[in-house]
PDB file of all heavy atoms in Angstrom:
ATOM      1  N   ALA A   1      -8.081   4.482   7.826  1.00  0.00           N
ATOM      2  CA  ALA A   1      -9.166   4.713   6.967  1.00  0.00           C
ATOM      3  C   ALA A   1     -10.517   4.497   7.733  1.00  0.00           C
ATOM      4  O   ALA A   1     -11.520   5.104   7.504  1.00  0.00           O
ATOM      5  CB  ALA A   1      -9.135   3.778   5.747  1.00  0.00           C
ATOM      6  N   LYS A   2     -10.415   3.621   8.672  1.00  0.00           N
ATOM      7  CA  LYS A   2     -11.598   3.314   9.562  1.00  0.00           C
ATOM      8  C   LYS A   2     -12.080   4.418  10.502  1.00  0.00           C
ATOM      9  O   LYS A   2     -13.253   4.729  10.620  1.00  0.00           O
ATOM     10  CB  LYS A   2     -11.320   2.163  10.445  1.00  0.00           C
ATOM     11  CG  LYS A   2     -10.974   0.849   9.741  1.00  0.00           C
ATOM     12  CD  LYS A   2     -10.542  -0.227  10.678  1.00  0.00           C
ATOM     13  CE  LYS A   2     -10.180  -1.574   9.962  1.00  0.00           C
ATOM     14  NZ  LYS A   2      -9.821  -2.598  10.880  1.00  0.00           N
ATOM     15  N   ASP A   3     -11.159   5.282  10.919  1.00  0.00           N
ATOM     16  CA  ASP A   3     -11.478   6.394  11.880  1.00  0.00           C
ATOM     17  C   ASP A   3     -11.683   7.689  10.987  1.00  0.00           C
ATOM     18  O   ASP A   3     -12.109   8.730  11.678  1.00  0.00           O
ATOM     19  CB  ASP A   3     -10.445   6.666  12.910  1.00  0.00           C
ATOM     20  CG  ASP A   3      -9.069   6.964  12.365  1.00  0.00           C
ATOM     21  OD1 ASP A   3      -8.990   7.427  11.160  1.00  0.00           O
ATOM     22  OD2 ASP A   3      -8.127   6.747  13.093  1.00  0.00           O
ATOM     23  N   ARG A   4     -11.517   7.688   9.746  1.00  0.00           N
ATOM     24  CA  ARG A   4     -11.855   8.808   8.829  1.00  0.00           C
ATOM     25  C   ARG A   4     -11.063  10.051   9.200  1.00  0.00           C
ATOM     26  O   ARG A   4     -11.337  11.177   8.777  1.00  0.00           O
ATOM     27  CB  ARG A   4     -13.397   9.107   8.914  1.00  0.00           C
ATOM     28  CG  ARG A   4     -14.333   8.163   8.355  1.00  0.00           C
ATOM     29  CD  ARG A   4     -14.135   7.896   6.917  1.00  0.00           C
ATOM     30  NE  ARG A   4     -14.369   9.127   6.147  1.00  0.00           N
ATOM     31  CZ  ARG A   4     -15.606   9.494   5.713  1.00  0.00           C
ATOM     32  NH1 ARG A   4     -16.661   8.771   6.084  1.00  0.00           N
ATOM     33  NH2 ARG A   4     -15.769  10.573   5.117  1.00  0.00           N
ATOM     34  N   GLN A   5     -10.001   9.915   9.972  1.00  0.00           N
ATOM     35  CA  GLN A   5      -9.169  11.014  10.444  1.00  0.00           C
ATOM     36  C   GLN A   5      -8.546  11.765   9.135  1.00  0.00           C
ATOM     37  O   GLN A   5      -8.373  12.936   9.060  1.00  0.00           O
ATOM     38  CB  GLN A   5      -8.122  10.611  11.327  1.00  0.00           C
ATOM     39  CG  GLN A   5      -7.240  11.766  11.842  1.00  0.00           C
ATOM     40  CD  GLN A   5      -6.292  11.269  12.937  1.00  0.00           C
ATOM     41  OE1 GLN A   5      -6.206  10.037  13.382  1.00  0.00           O
ATOM     42  NE2 GLN A   5      -5.418  12.194  13.373  1.00  0.00           N
ATOM     43  N   TYR A   6      -8.078  10.902   8.227  1.00  0.00           N
ATOM     44  CA  TYR A   6      -7.444  11.475   7.078  1.00  0.00           C
ATOM     45  C   TYR A   6      -8.291  11.310   5.739  1.00  0.00           C
ATOM     46  O   TYR A   6      -7.780  11.604   4.676  1.00  0.00           O
ATOM     47  CB  TYR A   6      -6.110  10.791   6.833  1.00  0.00           C
ATOM     48  CG  TYR A   6      -5.193  10.861   8.072  1.00  0.00           C
ATOM     49  CD1 TYR A   6      -5.007   9.804   8.949  1.00  0.00           C
ATOM     50  CD2 TYR A   6      -4.601  12.115   8.357  1.00  0.00           C
ATOM     51  CE1 TYR A   6      -4.122   9.813  10.043  1.00  0.00           C
ATOM     52  CE2 TYR A   6      -3.786  12.170   9.510  1.00  0.00           C
ATOM     53  CZ  TYR A   6      -3.571  11.096  10.329  1.00  0.00           C
ATOM     54  OH  TYR A   6      -2.752  11.152  11.433  1.00  0.00           O
ATOM     55  N   ASN A   7      -9.525  10.923   5.788  1.00  0.00           N
ATOM     56  CA  ASN A   7     -10.399  10.847   4.709  1.00  0.00           C
ATOM     57  C   ASN A   7      -9.956   9.825   3.670  1.00  0.00           C
ATOM     58  O   ASN A   7     -10.099  10.028   2.428  1.00  0.00           O
ATOM     59  CB  ASN A   7     -10.623  12.197   4.030  1.00  0.00           C
ATOM     60  CG  ASN A   7     -11.859  12.337   3.302  1.00  0.00           C
ATOM     61  OD1 ASN A   7     -12.860  11.843   3.750  1.00  0.00           O
ATOM     62  ND2 ASN A   7     -11.884  13.049   2.218  1.00  0.00           N
ATOM     63  N   PHE A   8      -9.309   8.742   4.223  1.00  0.00           N
ATOM     64  CA  PHE A   8      -8.842   7.695   3.161  1.00  0.00           C
ATOM     65  C   PHE A   8     -10.010   6.757   2.840  1.00  0.00           C
ATOM     66  O   PHE A   8     -10.786   6.361   3.653  1.00  0.00           O
ATOM     67  CB  PHE A   8      -7.740   6.786   3.838  1.00  0.00           C
ATOM     68  CG  PHE A   8      -6.460   7.599   4.193  1.00  0.00           C
ATOM     69  CD1 PHE A   8      -5.577   7.128   5.239  1.00  0.00           C
ATOM     70  CD2 PHE A   8      -6.044   8.621   3.469  1.00  0.00           C
ATOM     71  CE1 PHE A   8      -4.483   7.700   5.532  1.00  0.00           C
ATOM     72  CE2 PHE A   8      -4.851   9.342   3.777  1.00  0.00           C
ATOM     73  CZ  PHE A   8      -4.113   8.865   4.827  1.00  0.00           C
ATOM     74  N   ASP A   9      -9.937   6.168   1.588  1.00  0.00           N
ATOM     75  CA  ASP A   9     -10.846   5.101   1.185  1.00  0.00           C
ATOM     76  C   ASP A   9     -10.027   3.794   1.147  1.00  0.00           C
ATOM     77  O   ASP A   9      -9.163   3.630   0.204  1.00  0.00           O
ATOM     78  CB  ASP A   9     -11.327   5.404  -0.216  1.00  0.00           C
ATOM     79  CG  ASP A   9     -12.395   4.377  -0.698  1.00  0.00           C
ATOM     80  OD1 ASP A   9     -12.485   3.296  -0.075  1.00  0.00           O
ATOM     81  OD2 ASP A   9     -13.064   4.749  -1.645  1.00  0.00           O
ATOM     82  N   ALA A  10     -10.119   2.968   2.015  1.00  0.00           N
ATOM     83  CA  ALA A  10      -9.283   1.775   2.146  1.00  0.00           C
ATOM     84  C   ALA A  10      -9.599   0.796   0.956  1.00  0.00           C
ATOM     85  O   ALA A  10      -8.773  -0.118   0.805  1.00  0.00           O
ATOM     86  CB  ALA A  10      -9.508   1.021   3.481  1.00  0.00           C
ATOM     87  N   SER A  11     -10.631   0.889   0.323  1.00  0.00           N
ATOM     88  CA  SER A  11     -10.914   0.056  -0.854  1.00  0.00           C
ATOM     89  C   SER A  11     -10.328   0.478  -2.108  1.00  0.00           C
ATOM     90  O   SER A  11     -10.364  -0.216  -3.080  1.00  0.00           O
ATOM     91  CB  SER A  11     -12.468  -0.013  -1.088  1.00  0.00           C
ATOM     92  OG  SER A  11     -12.927   1.258  -1.549  1.00  0.00           O
ATOM     93  N   ARG A  12      -9.491   1.606  -2.069  1.00  0.00           N
ATOM     94  CA  ARG A  12      -8.859   2.148  -3.237  1.00  0.00           C
ATOM     95  C   ARG A  12      -7.439   2.644  -2.777  1.00  0.00           C
ATOM     96  O   ARG A  12      -7.125   3.839  -2.726  1.00  0.00           O
ATOM     97  CB  ARG A  12      -9.659   3.241  -3.876  1.00  0.00           C
ATOM     98  CG  ARG A  12     -10.954   2.818  -4.529  1.00  0.00           C
ATOM     99  CD  ARG A  12     -11.733   3.894  -5.190  1.00  0.00           C
ATOM    100  NE  ARG A  12     -12.174   4.857  -4.211  1.00  0.00           N
ATOM    101  CZ  ARG A  12     -12.732   6.093  -4.603  1.00  0.00           C
ATOM    102  NH1 ARG A  12     -12.887   6.395  -5.829  1.00  0.00           N
ATOM    103  NH2 ARG A  12     -13.180   6.933  -3.648  1.00  0.00           N
ATOM    104  N   ILE A  13      -6.513   1.699  -2.544  1.00  0.00           N
ATOM    105  CA  ILE A  13      -5.214   1.988  -2.169  1.00  0.00           C
ATOM    106  C   ILE A  13      -4.209   1.602  -3.231  1.00  0.00           C
ATOM    107  O   ILE A  13      -4.255   0.435  -3.849  1.00  0.00           O
ATOM    108  CB  ILE A  13      -4.773   1.140  -0.887  1.00  0.00           C
ATOM    109  CG1 ILE A  13      -5.660   1.663   0.295  1.00  0.00           C
ATOM    110  CG2 ILE A  13      -3.304   1.383  -0.492  1.00  0.00           C
ATOM    111  CD1 ILE A  13      -5.412   0.812   1.591  1.00  0.00           C
ATOM    112  N   VAL A  14      -3.328   2.494  -3.718  1.00  0.00           N
ATOM    113  CA  VAL A  14      -2.363   2.277  -4.652  1.00  0.00           C
ATOM    114  C   VAL A  14      -1.021   2.419  -3.929  1.00  0.00           C
ATOM    115  O   VAL A  14      -0.788   3.277  -3.065  1.00  0.00           O
ATOM    116  CB  VAL A  14      -2.441   3.331  -5.789  1.00  0.00           C
ATOM    117  CG1 VAL A  14      -1.262   3.183  -6.851  1.00  0.00           C
ATOM    118  CG2 VAL A  14      -3.808   3.196  -6.566  1.00  0.00           C
ATOM    119  N   VAL A  15      -0.056   1.506  -4.316  1.00  0.00           N
ATOM    120  CA  VAL A  15       1.325   1.645  -3.745  1.00  0.00           C
ATOM    121  C   VAL A  15       2.148   1.964  -4.969  1.00  0.00           C
ATOM    122  O   VAL A  15       2.175   1.365  -6.017  1.00  0.00           O
ATOM    123  CB  VAL A  15       1.742   0.374  -3.109  1.00  0.00           C
ATOM    124  CG1 VAL A  15       3.179   0.600  -2.400  1.00  0.00           C
ATOM    125  CG2 VAL A  15       0.798  -0.132  -2.093  1.00  0.00           C
ATOM    126  N   ALA A  16       3.076   3.067  -4.847  1.00  0.00           N
ATOM    127  CA  ALA A  16       4.026   3.559  -5.899  1.00  0.00           C
ATOM    128  C   ALA A  16       5.386   3.733  -5.236  1.00  0.00           C
ATOM    129  O   ALA A  16       5.495   4.046  -4.083  1.00  0.00           O
ATOM    130  CB  ALA A  16       3.399   4.723  -6.514  1.00  0.00           C
ATOM    131  N   GLY A  17       6.410   3.699  -6.192  1.00  0.00           N
ATOM    132  CA  GLY A  17       7.715   3.979  -5.697  1.00  0.00           C
ATOM    133  C   GLY A  17       8.767   3.786  -6.825  1.00  0.00           C
ATOM    134  O   GLY A  17       8.299   3.353  -7.990  1.00  0.00           O
ATOM    135  N   ALA A  18       9.906   4.417  -6.686  1.00  0.00           N
ATOM    136  CA  ALA A  18      10.893   4.410  -7.706  1.00  0.00           C
ATOM    137  C   ALA A  18      12.104   3.806  -7.215  1.00  0.00           C
ATOM    138  O   ALA A  18      12.729   3.873  -6.171  1.00  0.00           O
ATOM    139  CB  ALA A  18      11.301   5.805  -8.034  1.00  0.00           C
ATOM    140  N   SER A  19      12.760   2.969  -8.196  1.00  0.00           N
ATOM    141  CA  SER A  19      14.020   2.235  -7.943  1.00  0.00           C
ATOM    142  C   SER A  19      13.866   1.182  -6.838  1.00  0.00           C
ATOM    143  O   SER A  19      12.985   0.313  -6.823  1.00  0.00           O
ATOM    144  CB  SER A  19      15.026   3.191  -7.685  1.00  0.00           C
ATOM    145  OG  SER A  19      16.409   2.661  -7.846  1.00  0.00           O
ATOM    146  N   ALA A  20      14.625   1.429  -5.722  1.00  0.00           N
ATOM    147  CA  ALA A  20      14.405   0.593  -4.536  1.00  0.00           C
ATOM    148  C   ALA A  20      12.930   0.763  -4.092  1.00  0.00           C
ATOM    149  O   ALA A  20      12.376  -0.165  -3.482  1.00  0.00           O
ATOM    150  CB  ALA A  20      15.385   0.862  -3.449  1.00  0.00           C
ATOM    151  N   GLY A  21      12.496   2.001  -4.222  1.00  0.00           N
ATOM    152  CA  GLY A  21      11.122   2.263  -3.792  1.00  0.00           C
ATOM    153  C   GLY A  21      10.123   1.541  -4.659  1.00  0.00           C
ATOM    154  O   GLY A  21       9.065   1.173  -4.217  1.00  0.00           O
ATOM    155  N   GLY A  22      10.469   1.236  -5.961  1.00  0.00           N
ATOM    156  CA  GLY A  22       9.556   0.484  -6.885  1.00  0.00           C
ATOM    157  C   GLY A  22       9.569  -0.866  -6.399  1.00  0.00           C
ATOM    158  O   GLY A  22       8.524  -1.544  -6.368  1.00  0.00           O
ATOM    159  N   HIS A  23      10.786  -1.494  -6.021  1.00  0.00           N
ATOM    160  CA  HIS A  23      10.771  -2.769  -5.354  1.00  0.00           C
ATOM    161  C   HIS A  23       9.866  -2.906  -4.142  1.00  0.00           C
ATOM    162  O   HIS A  23       9.097  -3.863  -4.057  1.00  0.00           O
ATOM    163  CB  HIS A  23      12.248  -3.142  -5.050  1.00  0.00           C
ATOM    164  CG  HIS A  23      12.325  -4.288  -4.016  1.00  0.00           C
ATOM    165  ND1 HIS A  23      12.363  -4.063  -2.691  1.00  0.00           N
ATOM    166  CD2 HIS A  23      12.354  -5.620  -4.239  1.00  0.00           C
ATOM    167  CE1 HIS A  23      12.487  -5.181  -2.094  1.00  0.00           C
ATOM    168  NE2 HIS A  23      12.442  -6.193  -2.943  1.00  0.00           N
ATOM    169  N   LEU A  24       9.986  -1.877  -3.282  1.00  0.00           N
ATOM    170  CA  LEU A  24       9.202  -1.957  -2.021  1.00  0.00           C
ATOM    171  C   LEU A  24       7.706  -1.722  -2.339  1.00  0.00           C
ATOM    172  O   LEU A  24       6.832  -2.263  -1.607  1.00  0.00           O
ATOM    173  CB  LEU A  24       9.677  -0.906  -1.107  1.00  0.00           C
ATOM    174  CG  LEU A  24      11.151  -1.196  -0.587  1.00  0.00           C
ATOM    175  CD1 LEU A  24      11.642   0.042   0.288  1.00  0.00           C
ATOM    176  CD2 LEU A  24      11.199  -2.414   0.372  1.00  0.00           C
ATOM    177  N   ALA A  25       7.456  -0.952  -3.367  1.00  0.00           N
ATOM    178  CA  ALA A  25       6.023  -0.865  -3.793  1.00  0.00           C
ATOM    179  C   ALA A  25       5.395  -2.203  -4.158  1.00  0.00           C
ATOM    180  O   ALA A  25       4.348  -2.574  -3.804  1.00  0.00           O
ATOM    181  CB  ALA A  25       5.812   0.176  -4.777  1.00  0.00           C
ATOM    182  N   LEU A  26       6.227  -2.892  -4.993  1.00  0.00           N
ATOM    183  CA  LEU A  26       5.840  -4.203  -5.434  1.00  0.00           C
ATOM    184  C   LEU A  26       5.638  -5.190  -4.313  1.00  0.00           C
ATOM    185  O   LEU A  26       4.649  -5.880  -4.254  1.00  0.00           O
ATOM    186  CB  LEU A  26       6.881  -4.737  -6.495  1.00  0.00           C
ATOM    187  CG  LEU A  26       6.858  -4.069  -7.816  1.00  0.00           C
ATOM    188  CD1 LEU A  26       8.241  -4.476  -8.550  1.00  0.00           C
ATOM    189  CD2 LEU A  26       5.705  -4.448  -8.612  1.00  0.00           C
ATOM    190  N   THR A  27       6.681  -5.286  -3.415  1.00  0.00           N
ATOM    191  CA  THR A  27       6.400  -6.204  -2.288  1.00  0.00           C
ATOM    192  C   THR A  27       5.408  -5.823  -1.379  1.00  0.00           C
ATOM    193  O   THR A  27       4.728  -6.647  -0.799  1.00  0.00           O
ATOM    194  CB  THR A  27       7.749  -6.379  -1.573  1.00  0.00           C
ATOM    195  OG1 THR A  27       8.278  -5.079  -1.195  1.00  0.00           O
ATOM    196  CG2 THR A  27       8.848  -7.062  -2.351  1.00  0.00           C
ATOM    197  N   THR A  28       5.253  -4.559  -1.067  1.00  0.00           N
ATOM    198  CA  THR A  28       4.096  -4.082  -0.285  1.00  0.00           C
ATOM    199  C   THR A  28       2.707  -4.496  -0.813  1.00  0.00           C
ATOM    200  O   THR A  28       1.843  -4.911  -0.043  1.00  0.00           O
ATOM    201  CB  THR A  28       4.175  -2.577  -0.094  1.00  0.00           C
ATOM    202  OG1 THR A  28       5.360  -2.228   0.465  1.00  0.00           O
ATOM    203  CG2 THR A  28       3.048  -2.115   0.788  1.00  0.00           C
ATOM    204  N   GLY A  29       2.604  -4.389  -2.121  1.00  0.00           N
ATOM    205  CA  GLY A  29       1.301  -4.714  -2.671  1.00  0.00           C
ATOM    206  C   GLY A  29       1.127  -6.185  -2.899  1.00  0.00           C
ATOM    207  O   GLY A  29      -0.064  -6.651  -2.996  1.00  0.00           O
ATOM    208  N   MET A  30       2.170  -6.904  -3.262  1.00  0.00           N
ATOM    209  CA  MET A  30       2.101  -8.292  -3.645  1.00  0.00           C
ATOM    210  C   MET A  30       2.022  -9.276  -2.455  1.00  0.00           C
ATOM    211  O   MET A  30       1.415 -10.380  -2.584  1.00  0.00           O
ATOM    212  CB  MET A  30       3.281  -8.688  -4.554  1.00  0.00           C
ATOM    213  CG  MET A  30       3.162  -7.898  -5.837  1.00  0.00           C
ATOM    214  SD  MET A  30       4.701  -8.100  -6.693  1.00  0.00           S
ATOM    215  CE  MET A  30       4.560  -9.802  -7.446  1.00  0.00           C
ATOM    216  N   LEU A  31       2.592  -8.845  -1.349  1.00  0.00           N
ATOM    217  CA  LEU A  31       2.693  -9.904  -0.249  1.00  0.00           C
ATOM    218  C   LEU A  31       1.374 -10.105   0.418  1.00  0.00           C
ATOM    219  O   LEU A  31       0.543  -9.270   0.417  1.00  0.00           O
ATOM    220  CB  LEU A  31       3.754  -9.377   0.767  1.00  0.00           C
ATOM    221  CG  LEU A  31       5.149  -9.391   0.394  1.00  0.00           C
ATOM    222  CD1 LEU A  31       6.093  -8.606   1.364  1.00  0.00           C
ATOM    223  CD2 LEU A  31       5.747 -10.860   0.352  1.00  0.00           C
ATOM    224  N   LYS A  32       1.283 -11.215   1.064  1.00  0.00           N
ATOM    225  CA  LYS A  32       0.251 -11.641   1.988  1.00  0.00           C
ATOM    226  C   LYS A  32       0.729 -11.722   3.412  1.00  0.00           C
ATOM    227  O   LYS A  32       1.910 -12.014   3.633  1.00  0.00           O
ATOM    228  CB  LYS A  32      -0.435 -12.934   1.542  1.00  0.00           C
ATOM    229  CG  LYS A  32      -1.077 -12.807   0.193  1.00  0.00           C
ATOM    230  CD  LYS A  32      -1.779 -14.164  -0.170  1.00  0.00           C
ATOM    231  CE  LYS A  32      -2.327 -14.176  -1.552  1.00  0.00           C
ATOM    232  NZ  LYS A  32      -2.942 -15.422  -2.021  1.00  0.00           N
ATOM    233  N   ALA A  33      -0.096 -11.644   4.426  1.00  0.00           N
ATOM    234  CA  ALA A  33       0.298 -11.786   5.805  1.00  0.00           C
ATOM    235  C   ALA A  33       1.023 -13.160   5.964  1.00  0.00           C
ATOM    236  O   ALA A  33       1.965 -13.288   6.651  1.00  0.00           O
ATOM    237  CB  ALA A  33      -0.803 -11.640   6.756  1.00  0.00           C
ATOM    238  N   SER A  34       0.538 -14.192   5.220  1.00  0.00           N
ATOM    239  CA  SER A  34       1.054 -15.618   5.463  1.00  0.00           C
ATOM    240  C   SER A  34       2.524 -15.657   4.941  1.00  0.00           C
ATOM    241  O   SER A  34       3.194 -16.672   5.091  1.00  0.00           O
ATOM    242  CB  SER A  34       0.142 -16.516   4.696  1.00  0.00           C
ATOM    243  OG  SER A  34       0.027 -16.276   3.294  1.00  0.00           O
ATOM    244  N   ASP A  35       3.038 -14.607   4.111  1.00  0.00           N
ATOM    245  CA  ASP A  35       4.338 -14.739   3.635  1.00  0.00           C
ATOM    246  C   ASP A  35       5.420 -14.516   4.697  1.00  0.00           C
ATOM    247  O   ASP A  35       6.677 -14.604   4.477  1.00  0.00           O
ATOM    248  CB  ASP A  35       4.594 -13.737   2.525  1.00  0.00           C
ATOM    249  CG  ASP A  35       3.678 -14.136   1.265  1.00  0.00           C
ATOM    250  OD1 ASP A  35       3.605 -15.299   0.976  1.00  0.00           O
ATOM    251  OD2 ASP A  35       3.077 -13.173   0.644  1.00  0.00           O
TER     252      ASP A  35
END
């Protein structure tokens, strides 16, 4: 998002997934680096 190569807005990121992907969406969004 910093280099604007893909036109991402890093302040508005959503993580989504289904089944095991739903689990991974949850952990991706909920975790902190300290975990």
